[in-house]
Amino acid sequence: MARRLGATVTALHTGEEAVVLEGVMSGTHVAEWQGVPATGRSFNIPVGAVFTFDGEEKIAGERVYFDGALLLRQLGV
């Protein structure tokens, strides 16, 4: 989907059962993504992720959140 895809962590919150990450993802849309032809446009969107851990402190799950409508608007869709 993107050339020069980048991610910047803006905040990291730790708890007993999970780590929550806040950040910004950016890049340029240069290939088809979910049926949307490449637009050549850049995007810069806030993202959030929740990482959960098992009893051995290994990652058990990951949930990533972002505003898909904002991404599509920035791509001109």
PDB file of N, CA and C in Angstrom:
ATOM      1  N   MET A   1       0.807  -1.189   0.000  1.00  0.00           N
ATOM      2  CA  MET A   1       0.000   0.000   0.000  1.00  0.00           C
ATOM      3  C   MET A   1       0.853   1.256   0.000  1.00  0.00           C
ATOM      4  N   ALA A   2       1.803   1.318   0.898  1.00  0.00           N
ATOM      5  CA  ALA A   2       2.504   2.585   1.083  1.00  0.00           C
ATOM      6  C   ALA A   2       3.995   2.452   0.845  1.00  0.00           C
ATOM      7  N   ARG A   3       4.541   3.492   0.293  1.00  0.00           N
ATOM      8  CA  ARG A   3       5.985   3.612   0.172  1.00  0.00           C
ATOM      9  C   ARG A   3       6.425   4.481   1.336  1.00  0.00           C
ATOM     10  N   ARG A   4       7.565   4.195   1.880  1.00  0.00           N
ATOM     11  CA  ARG A   4       8.081   4.967   3.009  1.00  0.00           C
ATOM     12  C   ARG A   4       7.071   5.012   4.165  1.00  0.00           C
ATOM     13  N   LEU A   5       6.485   3.869   4.447  1.00  0.00           N
ATOM     14  CA  LEU A   5       5.547   3.795   5.570  1.00  0.00           C
ATOM     15  C   LEU A   5       6.329   4.033   6.846  1.00  0.00           C
ATOM     16  N   GLY A   6       5.809   4.921   7.672  1.00  0.00           N
ATOM     17  CA  GLY A   6       6.488   5.221   8.919  1.00  0.00           C
ATOM     18  C   GLY A   6       5.519   5.238  10.082  1.00  0.00           C
ATOM     19  N   ALA A   7       6.040   4.985  11.245  1.00  0.00           N
ATOM     20  CA  ALA A   7       5.225   5.039  12.453  1.00  0.00           C
ATOM     21  C   ALA A   7       6.046   5.724  13.540  1.00  0.00           C
ATOM     22  N   THR A   8       5.392   6.627  14.236  1.00  0.00           N
ATOM     23  CA  THR A   8       6.022   7.336  15.337  1.00  0.00           C
ATOM     24  C   THR A   8       5.204   7.092  16.594  1.00  0.00           C
ATOM     25  N   VAL A   9       5.848   6.647  17.647  1.00  0.00           N
ATOM     26  CA  VAL A   9       5.174   6.442  18.928  1.00  0.00           C
ATOM     27  C   VAL A   9       5.141   7.788  19.655  1.00  0.00           C
ATOM     28  N   THR A  10       3.926   8.209  20.041  1.00  0.00           N
ATOM     29  CA  THR A  10       3.787   9.476  20.759  1.00  0.00           C
ATOM     30  C   THR A  10       3.557   9.279  22.255  1.00  0.00           C
ATOM     31  N   ALA A  11       3.060   8.103  22.635  1.00  0.00           N
ATOM     32  CA  ALA A  11       2.847   7.812  24.062  1.00  0.00           C
ATOM     33  C   ALA A  11       2.780   6.299  24.244  1.00  0.00           C
ATOM     34  N   LEU A  12       3.202   5.855  25.402  1.00  0.00           N
ATOM     35  CA  LEU A  12       3.169   4.434  25.750  1.00  0.00           C
ATOM     36  C   LEU A  12       2.659   4.333  27.184  1.00  0.00           C
ATOM     37  N   HIS A  13       1.600   3.540  27.374  1.00  0.00           N
ATOM     38  CA  HIS A  13       0.983   3.391  28.693  1.00  0.00           C
ATOM     39  C   HIS A  13       1.055   1.918  29.088  1.00  0.00           C
ATOM     40  N   THR A  14       1.571   1.636  30.260  1.00  0.00           N
ATOM     41  CA  THR A  14       1.707   0.249  30.700  1.00  0.00           C
ATOM     42  C   THR A  14       0.780  -0.033  31.872  1.00  0.00           C
ATOM     43  N   GLY A  15       0.240  -1.239  31.875  1.00  0.00           N
ATOM     44  CA  GLY A  15      -0.617  -1.700  32.960  1.00  0.00           C
ATOM     45  C   GLY A  15      -0.256  -3.130  33.305  1.00  0.00           C
ATOM     46  N   GLU A  16      -0.971  -3.703  34.239  1.00  0.00           N
ATOM     47  CA  GLU A  16      -0.679  -5.069  34.659  1.00  0.00           C
ATOM     48  C   GLU A  16      -1.002  -6.093  33.587  1.00  0.00           C
ATOM     49  N   GLU A  17      -2.018  -5.821  32.756  1.00  0.00           N
ATOM     50  CA  GLU A  17      -2.460  -6.807  31.773  1.00  0.00           C
ATOM     51  C   GLU A  17      -2.222  -6.398  30.334  1.00  0.00           C
ATOM     52  N   ALA A  18      -1.844  -5.143  30.096  1.00  0.00           N
ATOM     53  CA  ALA A  18      -1.699  -4.684  28.717  1.00  0.00           C
ATOM     54  C   ALA A  18      -0.789  -3.467  28.624  1.00  0.00           C
ATOM     55  N   VAL A  19      -0.308  -3.242  27.409  1.00  0.00           N
ATOM     56  CA  VAL A  19       0.423  -2.030  27.065  1.00  0.00           C
ATOM     57  C   VAL A  19      -0.372  -1.342  25.963  1.00  0.00           C
ATOM     58  N   VAL A  20      -0.603  -0.048  26.117  1.00  0.00           N
ATOM     59  CA  VAL A  20      -1.338   0.730  25.119  1.00  0.00           C
ATOM     60  C   VAL A  20      -0.363   1.711  24.479  1.00  0.00           C
ATOM     61  N   LEU A  21      -0.344   1.703  23.158  1.00  0.00           N
ATOM     62  CA  LEU A  21       0.538   2.566  22.401  1.00  0.00           C
ATOM     63  C   LEU A  21      -0.294   3.578  21.627  1.00  0.00           C
ATOM     64  N   GLU A  22       0.139   4.830  21.633  1.00  0.00           N
ATOM     65  CA  GLU A  22      -0.464   5.864  20.800  1.00  0.00           C
ATOM     66  C   GLU A  22       0.609   6.319  19.823  1.00  0.00           C
ATOM     67  N   GLY A  23       0.201   6.610  18.596  1.00  0.00           N
ATOM     68  CA  GLY A  23       1.195   7.040  17.630  1.00  0.00           C
ATOM     69  C   GLY A  23       0.586   7.644  16.388  1.00  0.00           C
ATOM     70  N   VAL A  24       1.443   7.848  15.400  1.00  0.00           N
ATOM     71  CA  VAL A  24       1.050   8.410  14.114  1.00  0.00           C
ATOM     72  C   VAL A  24       1.660   7.532  13.034  1.00  0.00           C
ATOM     73  N   MET A  25       0.847   7.164  12.034  1.00  0.00           N
ATOM     74  CA  MET A  25       1.320   6.387  10.901  1.00  0.00           C
ATOM     75  C   MET A  25       1.243   7.274   9.664  1.00  0.00           C
ATOM     76  N   SER A  26       2.283   7.234   8.847  1.00  0.00           N
ATOM     77  CA  SER A  26       2.298   8.060   7.642  1.00  0.00           C
ATOM     78  C   SER A  26       2.942   7.301   6.501  1.00  0.00           C
ATOM     79  N   GLY A  27       2.644   7.742   5.290  1.00  0.00           N
ATOM     80  CA  GLY A  27       3.229   7.118   4.115  1.00  0.00           C
ATOM     81  C   GLY A  27       2.621   7.690   2.854  1.00  0.00           C
ATOM     82  N   THR A  28       2.916   7.036   1.737  1.00  0.00           N
ATOM     83  CA  THR A  28       2.389   7.429   0.438  1.00  0.00           C
ATOM     84  C   THR A  28       1.705   6.221  -0.183  1.00  0.00           C
ATOM     85  N   HIS A  29       0.496   6.396  -0.666  1.00  0.00           N
ATOM     86  CA  HIS A  29      -0.322   5.312  -1.224  1.00  0.00           C
ATOM     87  C   HIS A  29       0.109   5.034  -2.660  1.00  0.00           C
ATOM     88  N   VAL A  30       0.930   3.992  -2.866  1.00  0.00           N
ATOM     89  CA  VAL A  30       1.511   3.718  -4.183  1.00  0.00           C
ATOM     90  C   VAL A  30       1.082   2.384  -4.783  1.00  0.00           C
ATOM     91  N   ALA A  31       0.249   1.632  -4.085  1.00  0.00           N
ATOM     92  CA  ALA A  31      -0.221   0.341  -4.592  1.00  0.00           C
ATOM     93  C   ALA A  31      -1.662   0.140  -4.149  1.00  0.00           C
ATOM     94  N   GLU A  32      -2.373  -0.747  -4.834  1.00  0.00           N
ATOM     95  CA  GLU A  32      -3.763  -1.024  -4.462  1.00  0.00           C
ATOM     96  C   GLU A  32      -3.828  -1.481  -3.018  1.00  0.00           C
ATOM     97  N   TRP A  33      -4.828  -0.987  -2.312  1.00  0.00           N
ATOM     98  CA  TRP A  33      -5.039  -1.362  -0.915  1.00  0.00           C
ATOM     99  C   TRP A  33      -6.536  -1.541  -0.700  1.00  0.00           C
ATOM    100  N   GLN A  34      -6.935  -2.726  -0.320  1.00  0.00           N
ATOM    101  CA  GLN A  34      -8.336  -3.070  -0.066  1.00  0.00           C
ATOM    102  C   GLN A  34      -9.246  -2.611  -1.207  1.00  0.00           C
ATOM    103  N   GLY A  35      -8.792  -2.850  -2.423  1.00  0.00           N
ATOM    104  CA  GLY A  35      -9.574  -2.522  -3.600  1.00  0.00           C
ATOM    105  C   GLY A  35      -9.477  -1.086  -4.065  1.00  0.00           C
ATOM    106  N   VAL A  36      -8.725  -0.247  -3.351  1.00  0.00           N
ATOM    107  CA  VAL A  36      -8.566   1.160  -3.730  1.00  0.00           C
ATOM    108  C   VAL A  36      -7.280   1.284  -4.557  1.00  0.00           C
ATOM    109  N   PRO A  37      -7.390   1.695  -5.826  1.00  0.00           N
ATOM    110  CA  PRO A  37      -6.192   1.864  -6.651  1.00  0.00           C
ATOM    111  C   PRO A  37      -5.267   2.924  -6.063  1.00  0.00           C
ATOM    112  N   ALA A  38      -3.986   2.799  -6.335  1.00  0.00           N
ATOM    113  CA  ALA A  38      -2.996   3.758  -5.834  1.00  0.00           C
ATOM    114  C   ALA A  38      -3.385   5.180  -6.223  1.00  0.00           C
ATOM    115  N   THR A  39      -3.271   6.088  -5.269  1.00  0.00           N
ATOM    116  CA  THR A  39      -3.607   7.494  -5.518  1.00  0.00           C
ATOM    117  C   THR A  39      -2.363   8.374  -5.603  1.00  0.00           C
ATOM    118  N   GLY A  40      -1.246   7.881  -5.088  1.00  0.00           N
ATOM    119  CA  GLY A  40      -0.032   8.697  -5.047  1.00  0.00           C
ATOM    120  C   GLY A  40      -0.063   9.761  -3.960  1.00  0.00           C
ATOM    121  N   ARG A  41      -1.114   9.764  -3.162  1.00  0.00           N
ATOM    122  CA  ARG A  41      -1.266  10.781  -2.113  1.00  0.00           C
ATOM    123  C   ARG A  41      -0.648  10.301  -0.803  1.00  0.00           C
ATOM    124  N   SER A  42      -0.225  11.258  -0.010  1.00  0.00           N
ATOM    125  CA  SER A  42       0.349  10.960   1.301  1.00  0.00           C
ATOM    126  C   SER A  42      -0.743  10.946   2.361  1.00  0.00           C
ATOM    127  N   PHE A  43      -0.473  10.234   3.450  1.00  0.00           N
ATOM    128  CA  PHE A  43      -1.393  10.202   4.581  1.00  0.00           C
ATOM    129  C   PHE A  43      -0.617  10.326   5.872  1.00  0.00           C
ATOM    130  N   ASN A  44      -1.301  10.794   6.901  1.00  0.00           N
ATOM    131  CA  ASN A  44      -0.724  10.992   8.226  1.00  0.00           C
ATOM    132  C   ASN A  44      -1.879  10.864   9.216  1.00  0.00           C
ATOM    133  N   ILE A  45      -2.009   9.712   9.878  1.00  0.00           N
ATOM    134  CA  ILE A  45      -3.168   9.453  10.722  1.00  0.00           C
ATOM    135  C   ILE A  45      -2.755   8.978  12.119  1.00  0.00           C
ATOM    136  N   PRO A  46      -3.529   9.351  13.131  1.00  0.00           N
ATOM    137  CA  PRO A  46      -3.271   8.832  14.470  1.00  0.00           C
ATOM    138  C   PRO A  46      -3.690   7.362  14.552  1.00  0.00           C
ATOM    139  N   VAL A  47      -2.943   6.603  15.339  1.00  0.00           N
ATOM    140  CA  VAL A  47      -3.249   5.186  15.541  1.00  0.00           C
ATOM    141  C   VAL A  47      -3.125   4.850  17.027  1.00  0.00           C
ATOM    142  N   GLY A  48      -3.777   3.776  17.405  1.00  0.00           N
ATOM    143  CA  GLY A  48      -3.671   3.254  18.761  1.00  0.00           C
ATOM    144  C   GLY A  48      -3.539   1.745  18.682  1.00  0.00           C
ATOM    145  N   ALA A  49      -2.844   1.163  19.629  1.00  0.00           N
ATOM    146  CA  ALA A  49      -2.694  -0.294  19.661  1.00  0.00           C
ATOM    147  C   ALA A  49      -2.694  -0.757  21.111  1.00  0.00           C
ATOM    148  N   VAL A  50      -3.325  -1.897  21.333  1.00  0.00           N
ATOM    149  CA  VAL A  50      -3.354  -2.519  22.657  1.00  0.00           C
ATOM    150  C   VAL A  50      -2.675  -3.866  22.540  1.00  0.00           C
ATOM    151  N   PHE A  51      -1.651  -4.086  23.340  1.00  0.00           N
ATOM    152  CA  PHE A  51      -0.923  -5.355  23.359  1.00  0.00           C
ATOM    153  C   PHE A  51      -1.218  -6.051  24.685  1.00  0.00           C
ATOM    154  N   THR A  52      -1.710  -7.286  24.604  1.00  0.00           N
ATOM    155  CA  THR A  52      -1.951  -8.089  25.814  1.00  0.00           C
ATOM    156  C   THR A  52      -0.879  -9.165  25.913  1.00  0.00           C
ATOM    157  N   PHE A  53      -0.681  -9.653  27.133  1.00  0.00           N
ATOM    158  CA  PHE A  53       0.394 -10.610  27.391  1.00  0.00           C
ATOM    159  C   PHE A  53      -0.132 -11.832  28.127  1.00  0.00           C
ATOM    160  N   ASP A  54       0.546 -12.971  27.929  1.00  0.00           N
ATOM    161  CA  ASP A  54       0.162 -14.192  28.621  1.00  0.00           C
ATOM    162  C   ASP A  54       0.926 -14.291  29.943  1.00  0.00           C
ATOM    163  N   GLY A  55       0.775 -15.415  30.634  1.00  0.00           N
ATOM    164  CA  GLY A  55       1.415 -15.617  31.932  1.00  0.00           C
ATOM    165  C   GLY A  55       2.923 -15.680  31.868  1.00  0.00           C
ATOM    166  N   GLU A  56       3.475 -15.905  30.679  1.00  0.00           N
ATOM    167  CA  GLU A  56       4.930 -15.961  30.502  1.00  0.00           C
ATOM    168  C   GLU A  56       5.488 -14.645  29.946  1.00  0.00           C
ATOM    169  N   GLU A  57       4.655 -13.601  29.983  1.00  0.00           N
ATOM    170  CA  GLU A  57       5.014 -12.261  29.512  1.00  0.00           C
ATOM    171  C   GLU A  57       5.322 -12.213  28.020  1.00  0.00           C
ATOM    172  N   LYS A  58       4.713 -13.128  27.259  1.00  0.00           N
ATOM    173  CA  LYS A  58       4.811 -13.103  25.807  1.00  0.00           C
ATOM    174  C   LYS A  58       3.547 -12.447  25.260  1.00  0.00           C
ATOM    175  N   ILE A  59       3.669 -11.781  24.101  1.00  0.00           N
ATOM    176  CA  ILE A  59       2.500 -11.130  23.516  1.00  0.00           C
ATOM    177  C   ILE A  59       1.442 -12.178  23.184  1.00  0.00           C
ATOM    178  N   ALA A  60       0.246 -11.966  23.712  1.00  0.00           N
ATOM    179  CA  ALA A  60      -0.867 -12.891  23.475  1.00  0.00           C
ATOM    180  C   ALA A  60      -1.830 -12.333  22.434  1.00  0.00           C
ATOM    181  N   GLY A  61      -1.830 -11.024  22.257  1.00  0.00           N
ATOM    182  CA  GLY A  61      -2.745 -10.417  21.295  1.00  0.00           C
ATOM    183  C   GLY A  61      -2.388  -8.975  21.014  1.00  0.00           C
ATOM    184  N   GLU A  62      -2.897  -8.509  19.880  1.00  0.00           N
ATOM    185  CA  GLU A  62      -2.671  -7.126  19.476  1.00  0.00           C
ATOM    186  C   GLU A  62      -3.930  -6.621  18.786  1.00  0.00           C
ATOM    187  N   ARG A  63      -4.385  -5.437  19.177  1.00  0.00           N
ATOM    188  CA  ARG A  63      -5.528  -4.793  18.509  1.00  0.00           C
ATOM    189  C   ARG A  63      -5.074  -3.397  18.105  1.00  0.00           C
ATOM    190  N   VAL A  64      -5.231  -3.089  16.820  1.00  0.00           N
ATOM    191  CA  VAL A  64      -4.807  -1.793  16.296  1.00  0.00           C
ATOM    192  C   VAL A  64      -6.043  -1.016  15.873  1.00  0.00           C
ATOM    193  N   TYR A  65      -6.077   0.256  16.221  1.00  0.00           N
ATOM    194  CA  TYR A  65      -7.217   1.114  15.920  1.00  0.00           C
ATOM    195  C   TYR A  65      -6.760   2.342  15.150  1.00  0.00           C
ATOM    196  N   PHE A  66      -7.546   2.725  14.125  1.00  0.00           N
ATOM    197  CA  PHE A  66      -7.305   3.971  13.410  1.00  0.00           C
ATOM    198  C   PHE A  66      -8.597   4.395  12.743  1.00  0.00           C
ATOM    199  N   ASP A  67      -8.663   5.640  12.350  1.00  0.00           N
ATOM    200  CA  ASP A  67      -9.846   6.207  11.719  1.00  0.00           C
ATOM    201  C   ASP A  67      -9.760   5.963  10.214  1.00  0.00           C
ATOM    202  N   GLY A  68     -10.445   4.925   9.743  1.00  0.00           N
ATOM    203  CA  GLY A  68     -10.414   4.561   8.332  1.00  0.00           C
ATOM    204  C   GLY A  68     -10.975   5.646   7.431  1.00  0.00           C
ATOM    205  N   ALA A  69     -11.994   6.359   7.903  1.00  0.00           N
ATOM    206  CA  ALA A  69     -12.578   7.438   7.103  1.00  0.00           C
ATOM    207  C   ALA A  69     -11.567   8.569   6.910  1.00  0.00           C
ATOM    208  N   LEU A  70     -10.796   8.885   7.939  1.00  0.00           N
ATOM    209  CA  LEU A  70      -9.759   9.915   7.820  1.00  0.00           C
ATOM    210  C   LEU A  70      -8.710   9.488   6.808  1.00  0.00           C
ATOM    211  N   LEU A  71      -8.300   8.232   6.871  1.00  0.00           N
ATOM    212  CA  LEU A  71      -7.319   7.721   5.918  1.00  0.00           C
ATOM    213  C   LEU A  71      -7.844   7.860   4.486  1.00  0.00           C
ATOM    214  N   LEU A  72      -9.066   7.432   4.257  1.00  0.00           N
ATOM    215  CA  LEU A  72      -9.644   7.518   2.902  1.00  0.00           C
ATOM    216  C   LEU A  72      -9.771   8.967   2.434  1.00  0.00           C
ATOM    217  N   ARG A  73     -10.139   9.870   3.331  1.00  0.00           N
ATOM    218  CA  ARG A  73     -10.219  11.293   2.951  1.00  0.00           C
ATOM    219  C   ARG A  73      -8.859  11.820   2.523  1.00  0.00           C
ATOM    220  N   GLN A  74      -7.824  11.442   3.279  1.00  0.00           N
ATOM    221  CA  GLN A  74      -6.492  11.912   2.936  1.00  0.00           C
ATOM    222  C   GLN A  74      -6.008  11.318   1.605  1.00  0.00           C
ATOM    223  N   LEU A  75      -6.520  10.135   1.252  1.00  0.00           N
ATOM    224  CA  LEU A  75      -6.154   9.513  -0.026  1.00  0.00           C
ATOM    225  C   LEU A  75      -7.004  10.039  -1.175  1.00  0.00           C
ATOM    226  N   GLY A  76      -7.985  10.873  -0.843  1.00  0.00           N
ATOM    227  CA  GLY A  76      -8.842  11.454  -1.875  1.00  0.00           C
ATOM    228  C   GLY A  76      -9.932  10.535  -2.373  1.00  0.00           C
ATOM    229  N   VAL A  77     -10.275   9.541  -1.561  1.00  0.00           N
ATOM    230  CA  VAL A  77     -11.301   8.554  -1.962  1.00  0.00           C
ATOM    231  C   VAL A  77     -12.664   9.016  -1.475  1.00  0.00           C
TER     232      VAL A  77
END
